Amino acid sequence: MNAIDKAFESEKNRKALIYTIIVCAGLLLLFFIIKWKNVPPSIPIVQDLIEINLGNNEEGFGEKQPLIKGEMKPTPDEPVASQQAAAPQQQEEEKVQPEDNAEPDAAPVTKTNKATVKPKANTTPSPTPAPKPQKPKITYNGPGNGKGNNATEDNGYRYQGNNPNGKGDAGDPGGDKDSYGNTPGGKKGGPKIISGNRKIIRYYSFTGNLPKASIMASIKVSPAGTGSFMGFAKGSTSRNQEYATAISNYLRNMQFDKSPEESTVVVQFNFNYQ
């Protein structure tokens, strides 16, 4: 082995020693820094159990269960004597002590106990109230030979039953199909919102001489709730300018609900000839 090999071997051993010292020092430092936390012992849960004496015999004969072997504890004496001694003391009469300034020829004074009279309870029976007579039910004492207002009989007023000349409820051919009754028949209601986010809160009925029509009007509504006519919307049965003028005049008396911004709604107006 030459000098170069010796120098290399010594340098290798020196580096290995340095690395070993560094690793051991790091592990020792970690042992001081890292701490293992001890888990506290768990406290057992207290259970509410019932102790049952099942006896110490393996065979049962239907008799009283034998107790555990051993002597029984002495039972404490009941304080009966003290209670019996206290009772005669209450019944004993109080002795009267003679006065120091009494005369020598004075007669002895004896104290008499007055007997207390207990009031007798009133045992007079209370009278029982007589039951109220029940009201008789209302009965019908008529002839009982009528035919009644049945479906097979004619009552002469509503023309129902088997009368071939009965008219029933007469209606108006020109009235609305949803109406009921005689002339003039039903009429359709006021303006109605078809689309839009506003509501009509006030309007007045009006009459005119325009032909019957259903107008879908596009209305611009201000934040204050006033409307202005913009044009005819889809679904209108007529687009005559007379209807636009009538709607513009009618909008002056209509009031929509208020909103922070301007809106556009479609309102249906039904014109019926008067």
Protein backbone atom coordinates (compact mmCIF):
# COMPACT_ATOMS: atom_id res chain seq x y z
CA MET A 1 0.00 0.00 0.00
CA ASN A 2 1.52 3.26 -1.11
CA ALA A 3 1.22 6.70 0.41
CA ILE A 4 -1.70 7.74 -1.84
CA ASP A 5 -3.82 4.81 -0.71
CA LYS A 6 -3.02 5.52 2.93
CA ALA A 7 -4.01 9.17 2.55
CA PHE A 8 -7.29 8.21 0.84
CA GLU A 9 -8.10 5.64 3.50
CA SER A 10 -7.44 8.09 6.34
CA GLU A 11 -9.52 10.80 4.63
CA LYS A 12 -12.41 8.34 4.18
CA ASN A 13 -12.30 7.31 7.82
CA ARG A 14 -12.20 10.95 8.91
CA LYS A 15 -15.29 11.82 6.84
CA ALA A 16 -17.13 8.75 8.12
CA LEU A 17 -16.35 9.77 11.71
CA ILE A 18 -17.58 13.32 11.08
CA TYR A 19 -20.83 12.06 9.53
CA THR A 20 -21.36 9.68 12.43
CA ILE A 21 -20.82 12.44 15.00
CA ILE A 22 -23.26 14.76 13.14
CA VAL A 23 -25.97 12.08 12.98
CA CYS A 24 -25.58 11.16 16.65
CA ALA A 25 -25.66 14.84 17.69
CA GLY A 26 -28.83 15.39 15.63
CA LEU A 27 -30.55 12.39 17.20
CA LEU A 28 -29.53 13.53 20.68
CA LEU A 29 -30.92 17.01 19.97
CA LEU A 30 -34.19 15.49 18.75
CA PHE A 31 -34.47 13.49 21.96
CA PHE A 32 -34.45 16.75 23.95
CA ILE A 33 -36.88 18.58 21.62
CA ILE A 34 -39.47 15.89 20.94
CA LYS A 35 -41.68 15.05 23.92
CA TRP A 36 -44.17 12.25 24.05
CA LYS A 37 -47.48 13.36 25.59
CA ASN A 38 -48.74 10.99 28.23
CA VAL A 39 -52.39 10.14 27.75
CA PRO A 40 -54.30 10.62 31.04
CA PRO A 41 -55.99 7.49 32.30
CA SER A 42 -59.63 7.20 31.31
CA ILE A 43 -62.15 7.53 34.14
CA PRO A 44 -64.56 4.60 34.15
CA ILE A 45 -68.21 5.50 33.70
CA VAL A 46 -70.29 5.02 36.82
CA GLN A 47 -73.03 2.54 36.02
CA ASP A 48 -76.31 2.51 37.90
CA LEU A 49 -76.75 -1.21 38.49
CA ILE A 50 -79.09 -3.27 40.64
CA GLU A 51 -77.74 -6.06 42.82
CA ILE A 52 -79.94 -9.15 42.79
CA ASN A 53 -79.53 -12.01 45.25
CA LEU A 54 -79.97 -15.19 43.26
CA GLY A 55 -78.90 -17.45 46.13
CA ASN A 56 -76.00 -19.83 46.36
CA ASN A 57 -77.77 -23.07 45.43
CA GLU A 58 -77.50 -24.67 42.06
CA GLU A 59 -80.89 -26.35 42.51
CA GLY A 60 -84.09 -24.47 43.23
CA PHE A 61 -86.96 -25.91 45.27
CA GLY A 62 -89.40 -23.00 45.17
CA GLU A 63 -88.55 -21.95 48.72
CA LYS A 64 -87.11 -18.73 50.05
CA GLN A 65 -83.76 -17.99 48.52
CA PRO A 66 -80.89 -18.78 50.91
CA LEU A 67 -78.84 -15.83 52.03
CA ILE A 68 -75.11 -15.46 51.77
CA LYS A 69 -73.20 -17.28 54.48
CA GLY A 70 -72.17 -15.18 57.47
CA GLU A 71 -73.66 -13.51 60.53
CA MET A 72 -76.19 -10.73 60.14
CA LYS A 73 -75.48 -7.25 61.43
CA PRO A 74 -77.26 -6.36 64.69
CA THR A 75 -80.36 -4.25 64.12
CA PRO A 76 -80.39 -0.89 65.95
CA ASP A 77 -82.86 -0.61 68.83
CA GLU A 78 -85.85 1.59 68.14
CA PRO A 79 -86.27 4.59 70.49
CA VAL A 80 -89.57 3.35 71.92
CA ALA A 81 -88.78 3.98 75.58
CA SER A 82 -88.22 7.71 75.11
CA GLN A 83 -91.57 8.08 73.34
CA GLN A 84 -93.41 6.17 76.09
CA ALA A 85 -91.79 8.32 78.79
CA ALA A 86 -92.82 11.55 77.06
CA ALA A 87 -96.51 10.56 76.92
CA PRO A 88 -97.13 10.39 80.74
CA GLN A 89 -95.43 13.73 81.22
CA GLN A 90 -97.98 15.40 78.96
CA GLN A 91 -100.89 13.78 80.81
CA GLU A 92 -99.64 14.64 84.31
CA GLU A 93 -101.37 17.63 85.84
CA GLU A 94 -99.38 20.70 86.61
CA LYS A 95 -98.76 21.15 90.31
CA VAL A 96 -99.69 24.50 91.85
CA GLN A 97 -96.88 26.09 93.83
CA PRO A 98 -98.02 27.97 97.02
CA GLU A 99 -97.39 31.70 97.15
CA ASP A 100 -94.74 33.02 99.49
CA ASN A 101 -96.98 35.89 100.78
CA ALA A 102 -100.05 33.73 101.45
CA GLU A 103 -101.68 33.81 104.88
CA PRO A 104 -101.14 30.78 107.17
CA ASP A 105 -104.90 30.18 107.58
CA ALA A 106 -105.62 30.38 103.82
CA ALA A 107 -107.18 27.35 102.23
CA PRO A 108 -105.09 25.41 99.73
CA VAL A 109 -105.69 26.30 96.10
CA THR A 110 -106.36 23.49 93.67
CA LYS A 111 -106.34 23.98 89.92
CA THR A 112 -109.17 22.39 88.01
CA ASN A 113 -108.96 21.52 84.34
CA LYS A 114 -111.90 22.61 82.23
CA ALA A 115 -113.19 20.01 79.87
CA THR A 116 -113.14 21.22 76.28
CA VAL A 117 -116.38 20.64 74.42
CA LYS A 118 -115.94 19.79 70.77
CA PRO A 119 -118.55 21.29 68.45
CA LYS A 120 -120.69 18.71 66.76
CA ALA A 121 -120.71 18.72 62.99
CA ASN A 122 -123.98 19.46 61.28
CA THR A 123 -125.14 16.20 59.77
CA THR A 124 -128.32 17.57 58.18
CA PRO A 125 -128.54 16.05 54.68
CA SER A 126 -128.65 18.60 51.87
CA PRO A 127 -131.78 18.39 49.71
CA THR A 128 -131.18 16.97 46.25
CA PRO A 129 -132.42 19.27 43.45
CA ALA A 130 -135.30 17.95 41.44
CA PRO A 131 -134.44 17.13 37.80
CA LYS A 132 -135.59 19.68 35.26
CA PRO A 133 -138.30 18.49 32.89
CA GLN A 134 -137.02 17.92 29.38
CA LYS A 135 -138.46 20.05 26.62
CA PRO A 136 -140.57 18.04 24.17
CA LYS A 137 -139.30 17.80 20.63
CA ILE A 138 -141.06 19.86 17.99
CA THR A 139 -143.42 17.69 15.98
CA TYR A 140 -145.46 18.37 12.87
CA ASN A 141 -149.22 17.89 13.33
CA GLY A 142 -150.27 18.62 9.73
CA PRO A 143 -152.35 16.42 7.43
CA GLY A 144 -149.32 14.47 6.25
CA ASN A 145 -150.75 13.64 2.81
CA GLY A 146 -148.74 16.08 0.65
CA LYS A 147 -146.51 14.99 -2.23
CA GLY A 148 -143.62 17.28 -1.27
CA ASN A 149 -141.24 19.24 -3.50
CA ASN A 150 -139.59 16.21 -5.04
CA ALA A 151 -138.07 15.94 -8.48
CA THR A 152 -141.18 14.16 -9.81
CA GLU A 153 -143.59 16.91 -8.69
CA ASP A 154 -144.19 20.45 -9.95
CA ASN A 155 -144.21 23.19 -7.33
CA GLY A 156 -145.67 25.77 -9.73
CA TYR A 157 -142.91 28.31 -9.10
CA ARG A 158 -139.53 27.12 -10.32
CA TYR A 159 -140.96 24.92 -13.05
CA GLN A 160 -138.99 21.88 -12.05
CA GLY A 161 -140.13 18.29 -12.11
CA ASN A 162 -142.15 16.64 -14.86
CA ASN A 163 -143.73 19.81 -16.30
CA PRO A 164 -143.04 19.73 -20.07
CA ASN A 165 -143.61 23.50 -20.29
CA GLY A 166 -140.93 24.36 -17.71
CA LYS A 167 -138.41 27.03 -18.80
CA GLY A 168 -135.71 26.60 -16.17
CA ASP A 169 -133.27 29.48 -15.55
CA ALA A 170 -133.60 31.74 -18.59
CA GLY A 171 -130.39 33.33 -19.82
CA ASP A 172 -129.46 36.07 -22.26
CA PRO A 173 -128.10 34.82 -25.62
CA GLY A 174 -125.88 37.90 -25.84
CA GLY A 175 -124.44 37.54 -22.33
CA ASP A 176 -121.11 36.11 -21.27
CA LYS A 177 -120.86 32.32 -20.98
CA ASP A 178 -119.60 32.64 -17.39
CA SER A 179 -122.56 34.79 -16.27
CA TYR A 180 -125.78 33.73 -14.56
CA GLY A 181 -129.27 35.19 -14.65
CA ASN A 182 -131.45 37.09 -17.05
CA THR A 183 -130.93 40.29 -19.05
CA PRO A 184 -128.49 41.99 -19.39
CA GLY A 185 -126.27 38.97 -18.79
CA GLY A 186 -122.70 38.93 -17.54
CA LYS A 187 -119.93 41.35 -18.35
CA LYS A 188 -116.19 40.96 -18.26
CA GLY A 189 -114.10 42.67 -15.63
CA GLY A 190 -111.71 45.64 -15.73
CA PRO A 191 -108.12 45.86 -16.98
CA LYS A 192 -105.87 42.90 -16.21
CA ILE A 193 -102.06 42.53 -16.19
CA ILE A 194 -100.98 39.94 -18.78
CA SER A 195 -97.20 40.23 -18.38
CA GLY A 196 -94.84 42.38 -16.34
CA ASN A 197 -93.77 42.89 -12.74
CA ARG A 198 -96.22 45.65 -11.76
CA LYS A 199 -99.74 45.56 -10.28
CA ILE A 200 -102.83 47.72 -10.80
CA ILE A 201 -103.82 49.22 -7.45
CA ARG A 202 -106.52 51.67 -8.64
CA TYR A 203 -108.76 52.01 -11.69
CA TYR A 204 -112.19 53.36 -12.61
CA SER A 205 -114.82 51.81 -14.84
CA PHE A 206 -115.60 53.75 -17.99
CA THR A 207 -118.15 53.57 -20.77
CA GLY A 208 -117.76 54.30 -24.45
CA ASN A 209 -119.36 53.81 -27.83
CA LEU A 210 -116.53 51.79 -29.37
CA PRO A 211 -117.26 48.36 -30.83
CA LYS A 212 -116.61 45.29 -28.75
CA ALA A 213 -112.89 44.40 -28.73
CA SER A 214 -110.13 42.98 -26.55
CA ILE A 215 -107.00 45.15 -26.68
CA MET A 216 -103.57 44.05 -25.48
CA ALA A 217 -101.82 47.35 -24.75
CA SER A 218 -98.11 47.79 -24.08
CA ILE A 219 -97.81 50.26 -21.18
CA LYS A 220 -94.68 52.00 -19.87
CA VAL A 221 -95.00 52.46 -16.09
CA SER A 222 -92.92 55.07 -14.27
CA PRO A 223 -91.42 54.44 -10.82
CA ALA A 224 -94.21 56.59 -9.33
CA GLY A 225 -96.88 54.27 -10.78
CA THR A 226 -98.27 56.29 -13.72
CA GLY A 227 -98.63 54.60 -17.12
CA SER A 228 -98.36 55.78 -20.72
CA PHE A 229 -99.59 53.97 -23.85
CA MET A 230 -96.78 52.69 -26.11
CA GLY A 231 -98.60 50.53 -28.66
CA PHE A 232 -100.68 47.45 -29.39
CA ALA A 233 -99.27 44.11 -28.24
CA LYS A 234 -99.77 40.67 -29.74
CA GLY A 235 -103.26 39.27 -29.24
CA SER A 236 -105.29 42.46 -29.82
CA THR A 237 -108.50 41.99 -31.82
CA SER A 238 -108.23 45.53 -33.25
CA ARG A 239 -105.50 48.12 -33.80
CA ASN A 240 -107.72 51.11 -34.48
CA GLN A 241 -106.40 54.49 -33.28
CA GLU A 242 -109.67 55.13 -31.44
CA TYR A 243 -108.80 52.39 -28.97
CA ALA A 244 -105.32 53.87 -28.44
CA THR A 245 -106.86 57.29 -27.66
CA ALA A 246 -109.38 55.74 -25.27
CA ILE A 247 -106.66 53.77 -23.45
CA SER A 248 -104.43 56.88 -23.18
CA ASN A 249 -107.29 58.82 -21.58
CA TYR A 250 -108.12 55.91 -19.32
CA LEU A 251 -104.51 55.62 -18.08
CA ARG A 252 -104.82 59.06 -16.47
CA ASN A 253 -107.18 57.52 -13.87
CA MET A 254 -105.21 54.29 -13.40
CA GLN A 255 -102.55 53.82 -10.74
CA PHE A 256 -99.86 51.10 -10.66
CA ASP A 257 -97.78 50.10 -7.68
CA LYS A 258 -94.52 51.96 -7.08
CA SER A 259 -91.13 50.52 -8.01
CA PRO A 260 -87.51 51.71 -7.89
CA GLU A 261 -87.20 51.52 -11.69
CA GLU A 262 -89.30 51.97 -14.82
CA SER A 263 -91.15 48.92 -16.17
CA THR A 264 -93.04 47.82 -19.27
CA VAL A 265 -96.20 45.73 -18.85
CA VAL A 266 -98.93 44.35 -21.11
CA VAL A 267 -102.48 45.14 -19.95
CA GLN A 268 -105.70 43.67 -21.37
CA PHE A 269 -108.58 46.14 -21.93
CA ASN A 270 -112.05 44.79 -22.76
CA PHE A 271 -114.31 47.19 -24.66
CA ASN A 272 -118.04 46.43 -24.62
CA TYR A 273 -120.51 48.51 -26.60
CA GLN A 274 -123.01 50.30 -24.34
